[in-house]
Amino acid sequence: MSLVRLLILIVLLPVTSMRAESPAEQAVLTAIKSPETTVVHLWAPWCSNCQAELKAGGWAKMITENPQVKFCFVSIWNDGQDGRAILNKFGIAAQPNVTILADPGPRRGENKIKQFAGLPLSWIPTTWIYKGGDLRYALNYGEVRFPVLQQFLTDSQSEWSHKGEPSIE
């Protein structure tokens, strides 16, 4: 029986490791573990929703007004291009609290990435807010409303918790 288990393991091992983490994904996984608040923004220069966010100036203002927050702009479904030129055009690339990354994955087809940093990915722009390794908020389907994002950042920095409170059961 142990020979059968070994053969199953040999067959399944390559299947489980087919999607290795990209360098961009590894960098994000490291960044989100820090005690600071980290915003991960998945986007692409060709995406009209992503372009609208940039043109409105909300990202540049958000980054400037929150210097204690780390922002990771990760270009995805963009054939490995990081979109730095467009981020530069809108005053984002040179900000000291911004990291610009690119996932090398293809833009189209069956091999297009469908998860990033362990979370499902089906739409861009997608914005996640982490603190101390914990996902605080996930905006998975479309353009960010910047007043809402600012409230989420403020809430993420608070230290309140329900841990230790009595159960309602």
N, C-alpha and C. Protein backbone atom coordinates (compact mmCIF):
# COMPACT_ATOMS: atom_id res chain seq x y z
N MET A 1 0.81 -1.20 0.00
CA MET A 1 0.00 0.00 0.00
C MET A 1 0.85 1.26 0.00
N SER A 2 2.02 1.23 0.65
CA SER A 2 2.87 2.41 0.70
C SER A 2 3.44 2.75 -0.67
N LEU A 3 3.62 1.77 -1.54
CA LEU A 3 4.10 2.02 -2.89
C LEU A 3 3.06 2.82 -3.68
N VAL A 4 1.79 2.50 -3.49
CA VAL A 4 0.71 3.23 -4.16
C VAL A 4 0.69 4.68 -3.67
N ARG A 5 0.82 4.89 -2.37
CA ARG A 5 0.85 6.26 -1.84
C ARG A 5 2.03 7.04 -2.39
N LEU A 6 3.17 6.40 -2.50
CA LEU A 6 4.36 7.06 -3.04
C LEU A 6 4.13 7.47 -4.48
N LEU A 7 3.54 6.59 -5.27
CA LEU A 7 3.25 6.91 -6.67
C LEU A 7 2.27 8.07 -6.78
N ILE A 8 1.25 8.09 -5.94
CA ILE A 8 0.29 9.20 -5.94
C ILE A 8 0.99 10.50 -5.60
N LEU A 9 1.85 10.46 -4.60
CA LEU A 9 2.59 11.65 -4.21
C LEU A 9 3.48 12.16 -5.35
N ILE A 10 4.13 11.23 -6.03
CA ILE A 10 5.00 11.61 -7.15
C ILE A 10 4.20 12.27 -8.26
N VAL A 11 2.99 11.77 -8.51
CA VAL A 11 2.14 12.33 -9.55
C VAL A 11 1.58 13.68 -9.13
N LEU A 12 1.15 13.82 -7.88
CA LEU A 12 0.51 15.05 -7.42
C LEU A 12 1.48 16.18 -7.11
N LEU A 13 2.70 15.88 -6.75
CA LEU A 13 3.65 16.91 -6.37
C LEU A 13 3.86 17.96 -7.45
N PRO A 14 4.10 17.58 -8.70
CA PRO A 14 4.25 18.62 -9.73
C PRO A 14 2.98 19.44 -9.94
N VAL A 15 1.81 18.82 -9.78
CA VAL A 15 0.55 19.53 -9.97
C VAL A 15 0.38 20.62 -8.92
N THR A 16 0.74 20.34 -7.67
CA THR A 16 0.55 21.32 -6.61
C THR A 16 1.53 22.48 -6.71
N SER A 17 2.64 22.28 -7.38
CA SER A 17 3.62 23.36 -7.45
C SER A 17 3.70 23.98 -8.83
N MET A 18 2.68 23.79 -9.67
CA MET A 18 2.71 24.34 -11.02
C MET A 18 2.72 25.86 -11.02
N ARG A 19 2.06 26.49 -10.10
CA ARG A 19 2.04 27.94 -10.05
C ARG A 19 2.95 28.42 -8.94
N ALA A 20 4.18 28.69 -9.30
CA ALA A 20 5.14 29.20 -8.33
C ALA A 20 4.90 30.70 -8.15
N GLU A 21 5.20 31.18 -6.97
CA GLU A 21 5.04 32.61 -6.71
C GLU A 21 6.05 33.39 -7.55
N SER A 22 5.57 34.44 -8.19
CA SER A 22 6.45 35.30 -8.97
C SER A 22 7.27 36.17 -8.01
N PRO A 23 8.35 36.79 -8.49
CA PRO A 23 9.09 37.72 -7.63
C PRO A 23 8.20 38.85 -7.11
N ALA A 24 7.26 39.31 -7.91
CA ALA A 24 6.35 40.37 -7.45
C ALA A 24 5.49 39.86 -6.31
N GLU A 25 4.99 38.65 -6.44
CA GLU A 25 4.15 38.07 -5.40
C GLU A 25 4.96 37.85 -4.12
N GLN A 26 6.19 37.39 -4.26
CA GLN A 26 7.05 37.20 -3.10
C GLN A 26 7.31 38.53 -2.38
N ALA A 27 7.55 39.58 -3.16
CA ALA A 27 7.79 40.91 -2.57
C ALA A 27 6.55 41.40 -1.81
N VAL A 28 5.38 41.18 -2.38
CA VAL A 28 4.14 41.59 -1.71
C VAL A 28 3.93 40.79 -0.43
N LEU A 29 4.15 39.49 -0.48
CA LEU A 29 3.97 38.65 0.71
C LEU A 29 4.90 39.10 1.83
N THR A 30 6.10 39.53 1.49
CA THR A 30 7.03 40.06 2.49
C THR A 30 6.53 41.40 3.03
N ALA A 31 6.09 42.28 2.13
CA ALA A 31 5.65 43.62 2.53
C ALA A 31 4.44 43.58 3.45
N ILE A 32 3.49 42.70 3.19
CA ILE A 32 2.25 42.70 3.98
C ILE A 32 2.45 42.13 5.38
N LYS A 33 3.58 41.49 5.62
CA LYS A 33 3.86 40.95 6.96
C LYS A 33 4.34 42.02 7.93
N SER A 34 4.71 43.18 7.42
CA SER A 34 5.24 44.24 8.28
C SER A 34 4.12 44.78 9.18
N PRO A 35 4.48 45.38 10.31
CA PRO A 35 3.46 45.90 11.22
C PRO A 35 2.73 47.14 10.67
N GLU A 36 3.32 47.79 9.68
CA GLU A 36 2.69 48.97 9.09
C GLU A 36 1.50 48.58 8.23
N THR A 37 0.70 49.57 7.91
CA THR A 37 -0.40 49.37 6.96
C THR A 37 0.19 49.35 5.56
N THR A 38 -0.24 48.37 4.78
CA THR A 38 0.24 48.22 3.41
C THR A 38 -0.95 48.10 2.47
N VAL A 39 -0.95 48.90 1.42
CA VAL A 39 -1.98 48.83 0.39
C VAL A 39 -1.37 48.13 -0.82
N VAL A 40 -2.03 47.08 -1.27
CA VAL A 40 -1.63 46.36 -2.48
C VAL A 40 -2.66 46.69 -3.54
N HIS A 41 -2.18 47.31 -4.61
CA HIS A 41 -3.08 47.72 -5.69
C HIS A 41 -2.69 46.97 -6.95
N LEU A 42 -3.58 46.10 -7.42
CA LEU A 42 -3.36 45.32 -8.64
C LEU A 42 -4.04 46.06 -9.79
N TRP A 43 -3.28 46.32 -10.83
CA TRP A 43 -3.77 47.18 -11.89
C TRP A 43 -3.06 46.84 -13.20
N ALA A 44 -3.43 47.51 -14.29
CA ALA A 44 -2.74 47.41 -15.57
C ALA A 44 -2.91 48.73 -16.32
N PRO A 45 -1.87 49.17 -17.02
CA PRO A 45 -1.96 50.44 -17.75
C PRO A 45 -3.02 50.46 -18.84
N TRP A 46 -3.35 49.32 -19.41
CA TRP A 46 -4.34 49.26 -20.49
C TRP A 46 -5.78 49.27 -19.98
N CYS A 47 -5.99 49.09 -18.69
CA CYS A 47 -7.33 48.99 -18.10
C CYS A 47 -7.97 50.37 -17.95
N SER A 48 -9.15 50.56 -18.54
CA SER A 48 -9.79 51.88 -18.49
C SER A 48 -10.18 52.27 -17.06
N ASN A 49 -10.58 51.32 -16.22
CA ASN A 49 -10.90 51.64 -14.83
C ASN A 49 -9.65 52.10 -14.08
N CYS A 50 -8.53 51.44 -14.33
CA CYS A 50 -7.26 51.82 -13.69
C CYS A 50 -6.83 53.21 -14.16
N GLN A 51 -6.99 53.48 -15.45
CA GLN A 51 -6.64 54.79 -16.00
C GLN A 51 -7.50 55.88 -15.37
N ALA A 52 -8.78 55.62 -15.17
CA ALA A 52 -9.68 56.61 -14.58
C ALA A 52 -9.23 56.97 -13.17
N GLU A 53 -8.80 55.98 -12.39
CA GLU A 53 -8.31 56.25 -11.03
C GLU A 53 -7.09 57.17 -11.06
N LEU A 54 -6.20 56.91 -12.00
CA LEU A 54 -4.98 57.71 -12.09
C LEU A 54 -5.29 59.13 -12.55
N LYS A 55 -6.13 59.27 -13.56
CA LYS A 55 -6.46 60.59 -14.11
C LYS A 55 -7.13 61.49 -13.08
N ALA A 56 -7.91 60.89 -12.20
CA ALA A 56 -8.62 61.66 -11.18
C ALA A 56 -7.66 62.24 -10.13
N GLY A 57 -6.44 61.73 -10.08
CA GLY A 57 -5.44 62.23 -9.13
C GLY A 57 -5.57 61.67 -7.72
N GLY A 58 -6.53 60.78 -7.52
CA GLY A 58 -6.76 60.23 -6.20
C GLY A 58 -5.61 59.44 -5.63
N TRP A 59 -4.95 58.64 -6.47
CA TRP A 59 -3.83 57.85 -5.96
C TRP A 59 -2.67 58.73 -5.52
N ALA A 60 -2.32 59.71 -6.32
CA ALA A 60 -1.19 60.60 -5.96
C ALA A 60 -1.49 61.31 -4.64
N LYS A 61 -2.69 61.81 -4.49
CA LYS A 61 -3.08 62.50 -3.26
C LYS A 61 -3.08 61.54 -2.07
N MET A 62 -3.63 60.36 -2.26
CA MET A 62 -3.72 59.36 -1.20
C MET A 62 -2.32 58.99 -0.69
N ILE A 63 -1.41 58.79 -1.61
CA ILE A 63 -0.04 58.39 -1.25
C ILE A 63 0.67 59.53 -0.52
N THR A 64 0.51 60.74 -1.01
CA THR A 64 1.15 61.90 -0.38
C THR A 64 0.60 62.15 1.02
N GLU A 65 -0.70 62.00 1.19
CA GLU A 65 -1.33 62.30 2.48
C GLU A 65 -1.19 61.17 3.50
N ASN A 66 -0.64 60.04 3.09
CA ASN A 66 -0.47 58.89 3.99
C ASN A 66 0.96 58.36 3.92
N PRO A 67 1.94 59.18 4.33
CA PRO A 67 3.34 58.77 4.18
C PRO A 67 3.72 57.57 5.05
N GLN A 68 2.93 57.27 6.09
CA GLN A 68 3.20 56.14 6.97
C GLN A 68 2.70 54.82 6.38
N VAL A 69 1.94 54.88 5.30
CA VAL A 69 1.39 53.70 4.65
C VAL A 69 2.28 53.33 3.47
N LYS A 70 2.54 52.02 3.32
CA LYS A 70 3.28 51.52 2.17
C LYS A 70 2.29 51.15 1.08
N PHE A 71 2.58 51.54 -0.15
CA PHE A 71 1.74 51.25 -1.29
C PHE A 71 2.52 50.39 -2.28
N CYS A 72 1.96 49.26 -2.67
CA CYS A 72 2.56 48.38 -3.68
C CYS A 72 1.65 48.38 -4.90
N PHE A 73 2.13 48.95 -5.99
CA PHE A 73 1.40 48.92 -7.26
C PHE A 73 1.94 47.74 -8.05
N VAL A 74 1.08 46.76 -8.28
CA VAL A 74 1.49 45.55 -8.98
C VAL A 74 0.74 45.48 -10.30
N SER A 75 1.48 45.62 -11.39
CA SER A 75 0.89 45.51 -12.71
C SER A 75 0.71 44.02 -13.02
N ILE A 76 -0.52 43.65 -13.34
CA ILE A 76 -0.81 42.25 -13.68
C ILE A 76 -1.46 42.19 -15.04
N TRP A 77 -1.50 41.00 -15.59
CA TRP A 77 -2.09 40.77 -16.90
C TRP A 77 -1.54 41.77 -17.92
N ASN A 78 -0.27 42.11 -17.76
CA ASN A 78 0.37 43.12 -18.61
C ASN A 78 1.67 42.59 -19.19
N ASP A 79 1.77 41.30 -19.36
CA ASP A 79 2.91 40.64 -19.98
C ASP A 79 4.25 41.03 -19.36
N GLY A 80 4.26 41.18 -18.04
CA GLY A 80 5.50 41.45 -17.32
C GLY A 80 5.94 42.89 -17.28
N GLN A 81 5.18 43.80 -17.86
CA GLN A 81 5.53 45.22 -17.85
C GLN A 81 4.98 45.87 -16.58
N ASP A 82 5.77 46.74 -15.94
CA ASP A 82 5.36 47.31 -14.65
C ASP A 82 4.53 48.59 -14.73
N GLY A 83 4.44 49.21 -15.89
CA GLY A 83 3.63 50.41 -16.03
C GLY A 83 4.23 51.65 -15.37
N ARG A 84 5.52 51.59 -15.07
CA ARG A 84 6.19 52.70 -14.38
C ARG A 84 6.02 54.03 -15.10
N ALA A 85 6.05 54.03 -16.43
CA ALA A 85 5.95 55.28 -17.18
C ALA A 85 4.63 56.00 -16.88
N ILE A 86 3.53 55.27 -16.88
CA ILE A 86 2.24 55.91 -16.61
C ILE A 86 2.14 56.32 -15.13
N LEU A 87 2.69 55.52 -14.23
CA LEU A 87 2.70 55.92 -12.81
C LEU A 87 3.55 57.17 -12.61
N ASN A 88 4.62 57.27 -13.35
CA ASN A 88 5.48 58.46 -13.31
C ASN A 88 4.71 59.69 -13.80
N LYS A 89 3.97 59.51 -14.87
CA LYS A 89 3.19 60.60 -15.47
C LYS A 89 2.20 61.20 -14.46
N PHE A 90 1.69 60.36 -13.56
CA PHE A 90 0.68 60.82 -12.60
C PHE A 90 1.25 61.04 -11.21
N GLY A 91 2.58 61.17 -11.10
CA GLY A 91 3.21 61.55 -9.83
C GLY A 91 3.25 60.48 -8.77
N ILE A 92 3.21 59.24 -9.16
CA ILE A 92 3.17 58.15 -8.19
C ILE A 92 4.52 57.45 -8.05
N ALA A 93 5.20 57.23 -9.14
CA ALA A 93 6.41 56.39 -9.16
C ALA A 93 7.53 56.90 -8.25
N ALA A 94 7.65 58.20 -8.09
CA ALA A 94 8.77 58.75 -7.31
C ALA A 94 8.46 58.89 -5.82
N GLN A 95 7.28 58.55 -5.40
CA GLN A 95 6.91 58.68 -3.99
C GLN A 95 7.74 57.68 -3.16
N PRO A 96 8.28 58.09 -2.02
CA PRO A 96 9.14 57.20 -1.23
C PRO A 96 8.43 56.01 -0.60
N ASN A 97 7.12 56.07 -0.46
CA ASN A 97 6.37 54.97 0.16
C ASN A 97 5.68 54.08 -0.88
N VAL A 98 6.18 54.13 -2.13
CA VAL A 98 5.59 53.34 -3.21
C VAL A 98 6.61 52.33 -3.74
N THR A 99 6.14 51.11 -3.93
CA THR A 99 6.91 50.07 -4.59
C THR A 99 6.16 49.68 -5.85
N ILE A 100 6.88 49.59 -6.96
CA ILE A 100 6.26 49.24 -8.23
C ILE A 100 6.77 47.87 -8.65
N LEU A 101 5.83 46.97 -8.93
CA LEU A 101 6.16 45.59 -9.27
C LEU A 101 5.35 45.16 -10.49
N ALA A 102 5.79 44.09 -11.12
CA ALA A 102 5.06 43.53 -12.25
C ALA A 102 5.02 42.01 -12.14
N ASP A 103 3.85 41.45 -12.28
CA ASP A 103 3.73 40.00 -12.35
C ASP A 103 4.04 39.60 -13.79
N PRO A 104 4.87 38.59 -13.98
CA PRO A 104 5.27 38.23 -15.35
C PRO A 104 4.22 37.45 -16.12
N GLY A 105 3.14 37.10 -15.47
CA GLY A 105 2.14 36.24 -16.09
C GLY A 105 1.53 36.82 -17.34
N PRO A 106 1.00 35.95 -18.19
CA PRO A 106 0.37 36.44 -19.42
C PRO A 106 -0.94 37.18 -19.13
N ARG A 107 -1.35 37.97 -20.09
CA ARG A 107 -2.56 38.78 -19.95
C ARG A 107 -3.82 38.00 -20.29
N ARG A 108 -3.70 37.09 -21.21
CA ARG A 108 -4.89 36.41 -21.72
C ARG A 108 -4.76 34.89 -21.59
N GLY A 109 -5.87 34.23 -21.78
CA GLY A 109 -5.85 32.78 -21.92
C GLY A 109 -5.94 32.01 -20.62
N GLU A 110 -5.82 30.72 -20.75
CA GLU A 110 -5.97 29.81 -19.62
C GLU A 110 -4.88 30.00 -18.57
N ASN A 111 -3.70 30.46 -18.96
CA ASN A 111 -2.59 30.59 -18.01
C ASN A 111 -2.58 31.93 -17.28
N LYS A 112 -3.55 32.80 -17.56
CA LYS A 112 -3.64 34.09 -16.88
C LYS A 112 -3.81 33.83 -15.38
N ILE A 113 -3.06 34.56 -14.55
CA ILE A 113 -3.16 34.30 -13.11
C ILE A 113 -4.57 34.58 -12.62
N LYS A 114 -5.01 33.73 -11.70
CA LYS A 114 -6.36 33.85 -11.14
C LYS A 114 -6.32 34.01 -9.63
N GLN A 115 -5.11 34.09 -9.11
CA GLN A 115 -4.94 34.39 -7.69
C GLN A 115 -3.59 35.08 -7.51
N PHE A 116 -3.52 35.88 -6.45
CA PHE A 116 -2.29 36.60 -6.15
C PHE A 116 -2.20 36.69 -4.64
N ALA A 117 -1.05 36.36 -4.11
CA ALA A 117 -0.82 36.39 -2.66
C ALA A 117 -1.87 35.59 -1.89
N GLY A 118 -2.32 34.50 -2.50
CA GLY A 118 -3.26 33.62 -1.85
C GLY A 118 -4.72 34.04 -1.93
N LEU A 119 -5.00 35.13 -2.61
CA LEU A 119 -6.39 35.60 -2.74
C LEU A 119 -6.85 35.48 -4.19
N PRO A 120 -8.14 35.24 -4.40
CA PRO A 120 -8.65 35.14 -5.77
C PRO A 120 -8.52 36.47 -6.49
N LEU A 121 -8.29 36.38 -7.78
CA LEU A 121 -8.12 37.57 -8.60
C LEU A 121 -8.92 37.38 -9.88
N SER A 122 -9.94 38.19 -10.07
CA SER A 122 -10.75 38.05 -11.27
C SER A 122 -11.02 39.38 -11.96
N TRP A 123 -10.58 40.48 -11.37
CA TRP A 123 -10.92 41.80 -11.91
C TRP A 123 -9.85 42.79 -11.50
N ILE A 124 -9.61 43.78 -12.33
CA ILE A 124 -8.76 44.89 -11.93
C ILE A 124 -9.50 46.18 -12.24
N PRO A 125 -9.22 47.21 -11.49
CA PRO A 125 -8.31 47.24 -10.36
C PRO A 125 -8.86 46.49 -9.15
N THR A 126 -7.93 45.96 -8.39
CA THR A 126 -8.22 45.30 -7.12
C THR A 126 -7.30 45.92 -6.08
N THR A 127 -7.84 46.25 -4.92
CA THR A 127 -7.06 46.91 -3.88
C THR A 127 -7.29 46.19 -2.55
N TRP A 128 -6.17 45.81 -1.91
CA TRP A 128 -6.23 45.13 -0.61
C TRP A 128 -5.46 45.94 0.41
N ILE A 129 -5.97 45.99 1.63
CA ILE A 129 -5.31 46.71 2.72
C ILE A 129 -4.95 45.72 3.81
N TYR A 130 -3.67 45.71 4.16
CA TYR A 130 -3.14 44.80 5.17
C TYR A 130 -2.53 45.59 6.32
N LYS A 131 -2.52 44.97 7.48
CA LYS A 131 -1.75 45.49 8.61
C LYS A 131 -1.25 44.30 9.40
N GLY A 132 0.06 44.26 9.62
CA GLY A 132 0.65 43.18 10.40
C GLY A 132 0.36 41.80 9.86
N GLY A 133 0.27 41.66 8.56
CA GLY A 133 0.01 40.37 7.95
C GLY A 133 -1.46 40.01 7.83
N ASP A 134 -2.34 40.83 8.40
CA ASP A 134 -3.78 40.55 8.35
C ASP A 134 -4.44 41.39 7.27
N LEU A 135 -5.27 40.74 6.47
CA LEU A 135 -6.07 41.46 5.48
C LEU A 135 -7.17 42.20 6.22
N ARG A 136 -7.17 43.52 6.11
CA ARG A 136 -8.18 44.34 6.78
C ARG A 136 -9.37 44.64 5.86
N TYR A 137 -9.09 44.96 4.60
CA TYR A 137 -10.15 45.27 3.64
C TYR A 137 -9.73 44.78 2.27
N ALA A 138 -10.73 44.37 1.46
CA ALA A 138 -10.48 43.94 0.09
C ALA A 138 -11.51 44.59 -0.82
N LEU A 139 -11.03 45.34 -1.76
CA LEU A 139 -11.87 45.98 -2.77
C LEU A 139 -11.55 45.27 -4.08
N ASN A 140 -12.37 44.28 -4.43
CA ASN A 140 -12.00 43.36 -5.50
C ASN A 140 -12.59 43.65 -6.86
N TYR A 141 -13.50 44.57 -6.98
CA TYR A 141 -14.19 44.70 -8.25
C TYR A 141 -14.35 46.14 -8.71
N GLY A 142 -13.27 46.80 -9.04
CA GLY A 142 -13.43 48.08 -9.70
C GLY A 142 -12.74 49.25 -9.04
N GLU A 143 -13.07 50.41 -9.55
CA GLU A 143 -12.41 51.64 -9.14
C GLU A 143 -12.61 51.93 -7.66
N VAL A 144 -11.57 52.48 -7.08
CA VAL A 144 -11.59 52.87 -5.67
C VAL A 144 -12.23 54.24 -5.54
N ARG A 145 -13.07 54.38 -4.55
CA ARG A 145 -13.56 55.71 -4.16
C ARG A 145 -12.63 56.15 -3.05
N PHE A 146 -11.87 57.18 -3.29
CA PHE A 146 -10.77 57.56 -2.41
C PHE A 146 -11.19 57.99 -1.01
N PRO A 147 -12.33 58.65 -0.82
CA PRO A 147 -12.76 58.91 0.57
C PRO A 147 -13.01 57.60 1.34
N VAL A 148 -13.53 56.59 0.66
CA VAL A 148 -13.75 55.29 1.28
C VAL A 148 -12.41 54.63 1.61
N LEU A 149 -11.48 54.69 0.66
CA LEU A 149 -10.15 54.13 0.91
C LEU A 149 -9.49 54.82 2.10
N GLN A 150 -9.63 56.13 2.19
CA GLN A 150 -9.03 56.86 3.32
C GLN A 150 -9.66 56.40 4.64
N GLN A 151 -10.96 56.18 4.65
CA GLN A 151 -11.61 55.69 5.87
C GLN A 151 -11.10 54.29 6.22
N PHE A 152 -10.91 53.45 5.22
CA PHE A 152 -10.37 52.11 5.47
C PHE A 152 -8.96 52.18 6.02
N LEU A 153 -8.15 53.09 5.51
CA LEU A 153 -6.78 53.25 6.03
C LEU A 153 -6.82 53.71 7.48
N THR A 154 -7.68 54.66 7.78
CA THR A 154 -7.82 55.15 9.15
C THR A 154 -8.27 54.03 10.07
N ASP A 155 -9.28 53.29 9.64
CA ASP A 155 -9.78 52.17 10.45
C ASP A 155 -8.72 51.08 10.62
N SER A 156 -7.93 50.83 9.60
CA SER A 156 -6.89 49.79 9.67
C SER A 156 -5.80 50.13 10.67
N GLN A 157 -5.60 51.41 10.92
CA GLN A 157 -4.54 51.81 11.83
C GLN A 157 -4.98 51.81 13.29
N SER A 158 -6.28 51.67 13.52
CA SER A 158 -6.75 51.63 14.90
C SER A 158 -6.40 50.27 15.52
N GLU A 159 -6.38 50.23 16.82
CA GLU A 159 -5.98 49.02 17.53
C GLU A 159 -7.14 48.27 18.15
N TRP A 160 -8.39 48.64 17.84
CA TRP A 160 -9.52 47.98 18.47
C TRP A 160 -9.58 46.52 18.05
N SER A 161 -10.21 45.73 18.89
CA SER A 161 -10.36 44.31 18.62
C SER A 161 -11.53 43.77 19.42
N HIS A 162 -12.14 42.73 18.91
CA HIS A 162 -13.20 42.04 19.63
C HIS A 162 -12.67 40.80 20.35
N LYS A 163 -11.37 40.58 20.27
CA LYS A 163 -10.78 39.42 20.93
C LYS A 163 -10.99 39.53 22.42
N GLY A 164 -11.41 38.45 23.03
CA GLY A 164 -11.61 38.43 24.47
C GLY A 164 -12.99 38.86 24.91
N GLU A 165 -13.82 39.37 23.99
CA GLU A 165 -15.17 39.76 24.35
C GLU A 165 -16.06 38.52 24.44
N PRO A 166 -17.09 38.56 25.28
CA PRO A 166 -17.96 37.38 25.41
C PRO A 166 -18.71 37.10 24.10
N SER A 167 -18.96 35.84 23.87
CA SER A 167 -19.70 35.40 22.70
C SER A 167 -21.18 35.72 22.88
N ILE A 168 -21.91 35.89 21.81
CA ILE A 168 -23.35 36.16 21.89
C ILE A 168 -24.14 34.85 22.02
N GLU A 169 -23.48 33.74 21.95
CA GLU A 169 -24.16 32.43 22.04
C GLU A 169 -24.35 32.02 23.48
